[in-house]
């Protein structure tokens, strides 16, 4: 059943392609210059796009795209992405420790590194 559907789709695509090809041929025949008419002069293409460096004109926008991505990574603390690696080393451990401390504080638990108690209800006076 799937094979029959596949073959039907291929035949339909071939028919659509052939009809489109024939329409294109008939349009081109109608658009040709009549016999004995003078051809139109060719003036070439001016540089309306790029910087006039041929295919190298693509390098400038690509450079600015990479520059923009690099600035955004630096602005949001992405770093360079190689060297120490993620999840290893003292830098990642310090960052994880700061995150966990902030997480505990946001949930209302006081960190043990916040210092001595300030004499709240748990302190005893004699």
N, C-alpha and C. Protein backbone atom coordinates (compact mmCIF):
# COMPACT_ATOMS: atom_id res chain seq x y z
N UNK A 1 0.82 -1.19 0.00
CA UNK A 1 0.00 0.00 0.00
C UNK A 1 0.87 1.26 0.00
N UNK A 2 1.93 1.29 0.83
CA UNK A 2 2.82 2.45 0.87
C UNK A 2 3.59 2.59 -0.43
N UNK A 3 3.94 1.47 -1.04
CA UNK A 3 4.66 1.51 -2.32
C UNK A 3 3.79 2.13 -3.39
N UNK A 4 2.50 1.78 -3.43
CA UNK A 4 1.59 2.33 -4.42
C UNK A 4 1.45 3.85 -4.23
N UNK A 5 1.38 4.30 -2.98
CA UNK A 5 1.28 5.74 -2.71
C UNK A 5 2.55 6.46 -3.17
N UNK A 6 3.69 5.85 -2.90
CA UNK A 6 4.97 6.43 -3.28
C UNK A 6 5.07 6.57 -4.79
N UNK A 7 4.68 5.55 -5.52
CA UNK A 7 4.73 5.58 -6.98
C UNK A 7 3.74 6.62 -7.51
N UNK A 8 2.55 6.71 -6.91
CA UNK A 8 1.57 7.70 -7.35
C UNK A 8 2.09 9.12 -7.14
N UNK A 9 2.75 9.35 -6.02
CA UNK A 9 3.32 10.69 -5.75
C UNK A 9 4.42 11.01 -6.74
N UNK A 10 5.27 10.03 -7.07
CA UNK A 10 6.33 10.25 -8.06
C UNK A 10 5.76 10.56 -9.43
N UNK A 11 4.73 9.83 -9.84
CA UNK A 11 4.11 10.07 -11.15
C UNK A 11 3.46 11.46 -11.17
N UNK A 12 2.77 11.83 -10.10
CA UNK A 12 2.15 13.15 -10.03
C UNK A 12 3.20 14.26 -10.09
N UNK A 13 4.32 14.08 -9.37
CA UNK A 13 5.39 15.08 -9.40
C UNK A 13 6.00 15.18 -10.79
N UNK A 14 6.16 14.06 -11.50
CA UNK A 14 6.70 14.07 -12.85
C UNK A 14 5.75 14.79 -13.81
N UNK A 15 4.45 14.55 -13.67
CA UNK A 15 3.47 15.21 -14.54
C UNK A 15 3.48 16.72 -14.30
N UNK A 16 3.50 17.13 -13.03
CA UNK A 16 3.53 18.56 -12.72
C UNK A 16 4.82 19.18 -13.27
N UNK A 17 5.93 18.50 -13.14
CA UNK A 17 7.20 19.01 -13.66
C UNK A 17 7.19 19.15 -15.17
N UNK A 18 6.66 18.17 -15.88
CA UNK A 18 6.61 18.22 -17.34
C UNK A 18 5.67 19.33 -17.83
N UNK A 19 4.53 19.49 -17.17
CA UNK A 19 3.61 20.55 -17.56
C UNK A 19 4.27 21.92 -17.32
N UNK A 20 4.93 22.09 -16.20
CA UNK A 20 5.61 23.35 -15.93
C UNK A 20 6.73 23.62 -16.92
N UNK A 21 7.44 22.59 -17.32
CA UNK A 21 8.51 22.74 -18.31
C UNK A 21 7.94 23.20 -19.64
N UNK A 22 6.84 22.58 -20.08
CA UNK A 22 6.23 22.95 -21.34
C UNK A 22 5.68 24.37 -21.32
N UNK A 23 5.14 24.80 -20.18
CA UNK A 23 4.66 26.18 -20.06
C UNK A 23 5.84 27.14 -20.17
N UNK A 24 6.96 26.82 -19.55
CA UNK A 24 8.15 27.67 -19.64
C UNK A 24 8.68 27.76 -21.06
N UNK A 25 8.69 26.65 -21.79
CA UNK A 25 9.15 26.65 -23.18
C UNK A 25 8.24 27.53 -24.03
N UNK A 26 6.92 27.40 -23.85
CA UNK A 26 6.00 28.19 -24.66
C UNK A 26 6.13 29.68 -24.33
N UNK A 27 6.39 30.05 -23.08
CA UNK A 27 6.57 31.45 -22.72
C UNK A 27 7.85 32.01 -23.33
N UNK A 28 8.90 31.22 -23.39
CA UNK A 28 10.16 31.67 -23.94
C UNK A 28 10.04 31.89 -25.43
N UNK A 29 9.31 31.04 -26.12
CA UNK A 29 9.14 31.20 -27.56
C UNK A 29 8.41 32.51 -27.85
N UNK A 30 7.43 32.84 -27.01
CA UNK A 30 6.67 34.07 -27.22
C UNK A 30 7.51 35.30 -26.91
N UNK A 31 8.51 35.19 -26.07
CA UNK A 31 9.30 36.34 -25.66
C UNK A 31 10.52 36.57 -26.52
N UNK A 32 10.78 35.72 -27.51
CA UNK A 32 11.97 35.89 -28.34
C UNK A 32 11.82 37.08 -29.27
N UNK A 33 12.96 37.61 -29.68
CA UNK A 33 12.99 38.76 -30.58
C UNK A 33 12.58 38.30 -31.98
N UNK A 34 11.72 39.04 -32.62
CA UNK A 34 11.34 38.67 -33.98
C UNK A 34 12.53 38.74 -34.93
N UNK A 35 12.47 38.00 -36.01
CA UNK A 35 13.56 37.97 -36.99
C UNK A 35 13.74 39.35 -37.60
N UNK A 36 14.99 39.80 -37.74
CA UNK A 36 15.30 41.07 -38.36
C UNK A 36 15.34 42.23 -37.38
N UNK A 37 14.99 42.04 -36.15
CA UNK A 37 15.03 43.12 -35.17
C UNK A 37 16.43 43.24 -34.58
N UNK A 38 16.79 44.44 -34.19
CA UNK A 38 18.10 44.68 -33.60
C UNK A 38 18.11 44.21 -32.15
N UNK A 39 19.19 43.56 -31.71
CA UNK A 39 19.26 43.12 -30.32
C UNK A 39 19.46 44.31 -29.37
N UNK A 40 19.07 44.13 -28.16
CA UNK A 40 19.22 45.16 -27.15
C UNK A 40 20.67 45.18 -26.68
N UNK A 41 21.21 46.38 -26.50
CA UNK A 41 22.61 46.51 -26.06
C UNK A 41 22.75 46.03 -24.62
N UNK A 42 23.86 45.38 -24.33
CA UNK A 42 24.14 44.86 -22.99
C UNK A 42 25.10 45.81 -22.29
N UNK A 43 24.72 46.29 -21.11
CA UNK A 43 25.55 47.24 -20.39
C UNK A 43 26.23 46.65 -19.16
N UNK A 44 25.97 45.42 -18.81
CA UNK A 44 26.59 44.81 -17.64
C UNK A 44 25.84 45.16 -16.38
N UNK A 45 26.27 44.58 -15.30
CA UNK A 45 25.61 44.77 -14.02
C UNK A 45 26.40 45.72 -13.14
N UNK A 46 25.78 46.78 -12.62
CA UNK A 46 26.49 47.64 -11.67
C UNK A 46 26.53 46.95 -10.29
N UNK A 47 27.38 47.46 -9.43
CA UNK A 47 27.50 46.90 -8.09
C UNK A 47 26.42 47.48 -7.19
N UNK A 48 25.28 46.83 -7.13
CA UNK A 48 24.20 47.29 -6.27
C UNK A 48 24.22 46.62 -4.91
N UNK A 49 25.00 45.58 -4.73
CA UNK A 49 25.03 44.86 -3.47
C UNK A 49 26.47 44.55 -3.14
N UNK A 50 26.73 44.27 -1.89
CA UNK A 50 28.08 43.94 -1.46
C UNK A 50 28.95 45.17 -1.42
N UNK A 51 30.25 44.95 -1.34
CA UNK A 51 31.19 46.04 -1.24
C UNK A 51 32.08 46.14 -2.47
N UNK A 52 31.75 45.41 -3.54
CA UNK A 52 32.55 45.46 -4.74
C UNK A 52 33.75 44.53 -4.70
N UNK A 53 33.76 43.56 -3.80
CA UNK A 53 34.88 42.64 -3.70
C UNK A 53 34.55 41.26 -4.26
N UNK A 54 33.56 41.15 -5.10
CA UNK A 54 33.20 39.85 -5.65
C UNK A 54 32.64 38.95 -4.58
N UNK A 55 33.06 37.69 -4.59
CA UNK A 55 32.56 36.75 -3.59
C UNK A 55 33.15 37.04 -2.21
N UNK A 56 34.22 37.83 -2.13
CA UNK A 56 34.79 38.17 -0.83
C UNK A 56 33.92 39.17 -0.06
N UNK A 57 32.95 39.78 -0.75
CA UNK A 57 32.03 40.68 -0.08
C UNK A 57 31.20 39.98 0.98
N UNK A 58 31.10 38.66 0.90
CA UNK A 58 30.39 37.88 1.91
C UNK A 58 31.15 37.84 3.23
N UNK A 59 32.45 38.02 3.20
CA UNK A 59 33.26 37.91 4.41
C UNK A 59 33.00 39.03 5.41
N UNK A 60 32.69 40.24 4.93
CA UNK A 60 32.46 41.36 5.85
C UNK A 60 31.21 41.15 6.70
N UNK A 61 30.06 40.82 6.11
CA UNK A 61 28.90 40.55 6.98
C UNK A 61 29.12 39.35 7.89
N UNK A 62 29.83 38.34 7.42
CA UNK A 62 30.12 37.17 8.25
C UNK A 62 31.03 37.56 9.42
N UNK A 63 32.01 38.42 9.18
CA UNK A 63 32.88 38.90 10.25
C UNK A 63 32.08 39.65 11.31
N UNK A 64 31.17 40.54 10.87
CA UNK A 64 30.37 41.29 11.83
C UNK A 64 29.39 40.40 12.58
N UNK A 65 28.92 39.32 11.94
CA UNK A 65 28.06 38.37 12.65
C UNK A 65 28.84 37.68 13.77
N UNK A 66 30.05 37.21 13.47
CA UNK A 66 30.87 36.57 14.50
C UNK A 66 31.25 37.57 15.59
N UNK A 67 31.53 38.81 15.20
CA UNK A 67 31.86 39.84 16.18
C UNK A 67 30.68 40.10 17.11
N UNK A 68 29.48 40.17 16.56
CA UNK A 68 28.28 40.40 17.36
C UNK A 68 28.05 39.24 18.33
N UNK A 69 28.20 38.01 17.86
CA UNK A 69 28.02 36.84 18.74
C UNK A 69 29.07 36.85 19.85
N UNK A 70 30.30 37.19 19.53
CA UNK A 70 31.35 37.25 20.54
C UNK A 70 31.08 38.31 21.59
N UNK A 71 30.59 39.48 21.17
CA UNK A 71 30.28 40.54 22.13
C UNK A 71 29.14 40.11 23.04
N UNK A 72 28.13 39.44 22.47
CA UNK A 72 27.00 38.99 23.29
C UNK A 72 27.45 37.92 24.29
N UNK A 73 28.33 37.02 23.89
CA UNK A 73 28.84 36.01 24.82
C UNK A 73 29.64 36.66 25.94
N UNK A 74 30.43 37.66 25.59
CA UNK A 74 31.21 38.34 26.63
C UNK A 74 30.31 39.14 27.56
N UNK A 75 29.26 39.73 27.02
CA UNK A 75 28.36 40.54 27.84
C UNK A 75 27.58 39.69 28.83
N UNK A 76 27.25 38.48 28.45
CA UNK A 76 26.45 37.63 29.32
C UNK A 76 27.29 36.57 30.03
N UNK A 77 28.60 36.72 30.06
CA UNK A 77 29.48 35.85 30.84
C UNK A 77 29.73 34.50 30.24
N UNK A 78 29.68 34.39 28.93
CA UNK A 78 29.89 33.10 28.29
C UNK A 78 31.34 32.69 28.24
N UNK A 79 32.25 33.62 28.25
CA UNK A 79 33.67 33.30 28.17
C UNK A 79 34.05 32.86 26.78
N UNK A 80 35.22 32.24 26.67
CA UNK A 80 35.71 31.84 25.36
C UNK A 80 35.24 30.46 24.97
N UNK A 81 34.94 29.60 25.92
CA UNK A 81 34.40 28.30 25.59
C UNK A 81 35.44 27.21 25.49
N UNK A 82 36.70 27.50 25.71
CA UNK A 82 37.71 26.47 25.74
C UNK A 82 38.72 26.82 26.81
N UNK A 83 39.62 25.93 27.09
CA UNK A 83 40.59 26.17 28.14
C UNK A 83 40.26 25.34 29.36
N UNK A 84 39.56 25.90 30.31
CA UNK A 84 39.26 25.20 31.56
C UNK A 84 38.16 24.17 31.37
N UNK A 85 37.26 24.41 30.50
CA UNK A 85 36.14 23.50 30.32
C UNK A 85 35.04 23.81 31.31
N UNK A 86 33.88 23.28 31.06
CA UNK A 86 32.74 23.54 31.92
C UNK A 86 32.60 22.42 32.93
N UNK A 87 32.38 22.77 34.17
CA UNK A 87 32.15 21.79 35.21
C UNK A 87 33.40 21.29 35.89
N UNK A 88 34.56 21.80 35.57
CA UNK A 88 35.81 21.35 36.17
C UNK A 88 36.62 22.57 36.58
N UNK A 89 37.40 22.42 37.62
CA UNK A 89 38.30 23.49 38.03
C UNK A 89 37.71 24.38 39.10
N UNK A 90 38.56 25.24 39.65
CA UNK A 90 38.15 26.08 40.77
C UNK A 90 37.14 27.14 40.35
N UNK A 91 37.23 27.63 39.14
CA UNK A 91 36.30 28.65 38.68
C UNK A 91 34.86 28.13 38.70
N UNK A 92 34.66 26.92 38.18
CA UNK A 92 33.32 26.34 38.15
C UNK A 92 32.85 26.00 39.56
N UNK A 93 33.77 25.56 40.43
CA UNK A 93 33.40 25.23 41.80
C UNK A 93 32.96 26.48 42.57
N UNK A 94 33.69 27.59 42.39
CA UNK A 94 33.30 28.84 43.04
C UNK A 94 31.94 29.32 42.55
N UNK A 95 31.73 29.21 41.27
CA UNK A 95 30.46 29.64 40.72
C UNK A 95 29.31 28.79 41.24
N UNK A 96 29.54 27.49 41.33
CA UNK A 96 28.50 26.59 41.85
C UNK A 96 28.22 26.89 43.32
N UNK A 97 29.28 27.16 44.10
CA UNK A 97 29.10 27.46 45.52
C UNK A 97 28.31 28.76 45.70
N UNK A 98 28.62 29.79 44.90
CA UNK A 98 27.86 31.04 44.99
C UNK A 98 26.40 30.83 44.61
N UNK A 99 26.16 29.99 43.59
CA UNK A 99 24.78 29.73 43.17
C UNK A 99 24.01 29.01 44.28
N UNK A 100 24.63 28.00 44.91
CA UNK A 100 23.95 27.27 45.96
C UNK A 100 23.69 28.15 47.19
N UNK A 101 24.63 29.04 47.52
CA UNK A 101 24.43 29.95 48.64
C UNK A 101 23.26 30.90 48.36
N UNK A 102 23.22 31.44 47.14
CA UNK A 102 22.12 32.32 46.77
C UNK A 102 20.79 31.55 46.79
N UNK A 103 20.81 30.31 46.37
CA UNK A 103 19.61 29.49 46.36
C UNK A 103 19.08 29.27 47.78
N UNK A 104 19.99 28.98 48.71
CA UNK A 104 19.57 28.80 50.10
C UNK A 104 19.01 30.09 50.68
N UNK A 105 19.64 31.22 50.37
CA UNK A 105 19.14 32.50 50.89
C UNK A 105 17.77 32.85 50.32
N UNK A 106 17.54 32.54 49.08
CA UNK A 106 16.25 32.84 48.47
C UNK A 106 15.14 31.98 49.06
N UNK A 107 15.47 30.79 49.55
CA UNK A 107 14.47 29.93 50.17
C UNK A 107 14.33 30.21 51.66
N UNK A 108 15.05 31.16 52.19
CA UNK A 108 14.88 31.56 53.58
C UNK A 108 15.87 30.91 54.52
N UNK A 109 16.69 30.01 54.07
CA UNK A 109 17.70 29.39 54.94
C UNK A 109 18.91 30.32 54.98
N UNK A 110 19.38 30.60 56.19
CA UNK A 110 20.57 31.43 56.31
C UNK A 110 21.80 30.58 56.12
N UNK A 111 22.75 31.12 55.44
CA UNK A 111 23.98 30.39 55.16
C UNK A 111 24.82 30.32 56.43
N UNK A 112 25.59 29.24 56.56
CA UNK A 112 26.45 29.08 57.74
C UNK A 112 27.66 30.01 57.65
N UNK A 113 27.91 30.57 56.49
CA UNK A 113 29.07 31.46 56.33
C UNK A 113 28.70 32.91 56.58
N UNK A 114 27.46 33.18 57.03
CA UNK A 114 27.04 34.57 57.22
C UNK A 114 27.57 35.16 58.53
N UNK A 115 28.23 34.39 59.35
CA UNK A 115 28.83 34.93 60.58
C UNK A 115 28.15 34.38 61.81
N UNK A 116 28.53 34.94 62.98
CA UNK A 116 27.97 34.48 64.25
C UNK A 116 26.55 34.98 64.39
N UNK A 117 25.80 34.33 65.26
CA UNK A 117 24.41 34.76 65.44
C UNK A 117 24.40 36.09 66.18
N UNK A 118 23.41 36.88 65.94
CA UNK A 118 23.35 38.23 66.48
C UNK A 118 22.51 38.30 67.74
N UNK A 119 22.33 37.21 68.42
CA UNK A 119 21.60 37.26 69.68
C UNK A 119 20.11 37.19 69.48
N UNK A 120 19.65 36.39 68.58
CA UNK A 120 18.22 36.23 68.33
C UNK A 120 17.60 35.37 69.39
N UNK A 121 16.45 34.78 69.13
CA UNK A 121 15.74 33.99 70.14
C UNK A 121 16.48 32.73 70.57
N UNK A 122 17.43 32.26 69.78
CA UNK A 122 18.12 31.04 70.17
C UNK A 122 19.26 31.31 71.13
N UNK A 123 19.66 32.57 71.32
CA UNK A 123 20.78 32.84 72.24
C UNK A 123 20.26 32.86 73.68
N UNK A 124 21.11 32.40 74.56
CA UNK A 124 20.72 32.36 75.97
C UNK A 124 21.54 33.38 76.75
N UNK A 125 20.91 34.07 77.65
CA UNK A 125 21.65 35.02 78.48
C UNK A 125 21.54 34.55 79.94
N UNK A 126 22.63 34.55 80.61
CA UNK A 126 22.64 34.10 82.00
C UNK A 126 22.87 35.21 82.97
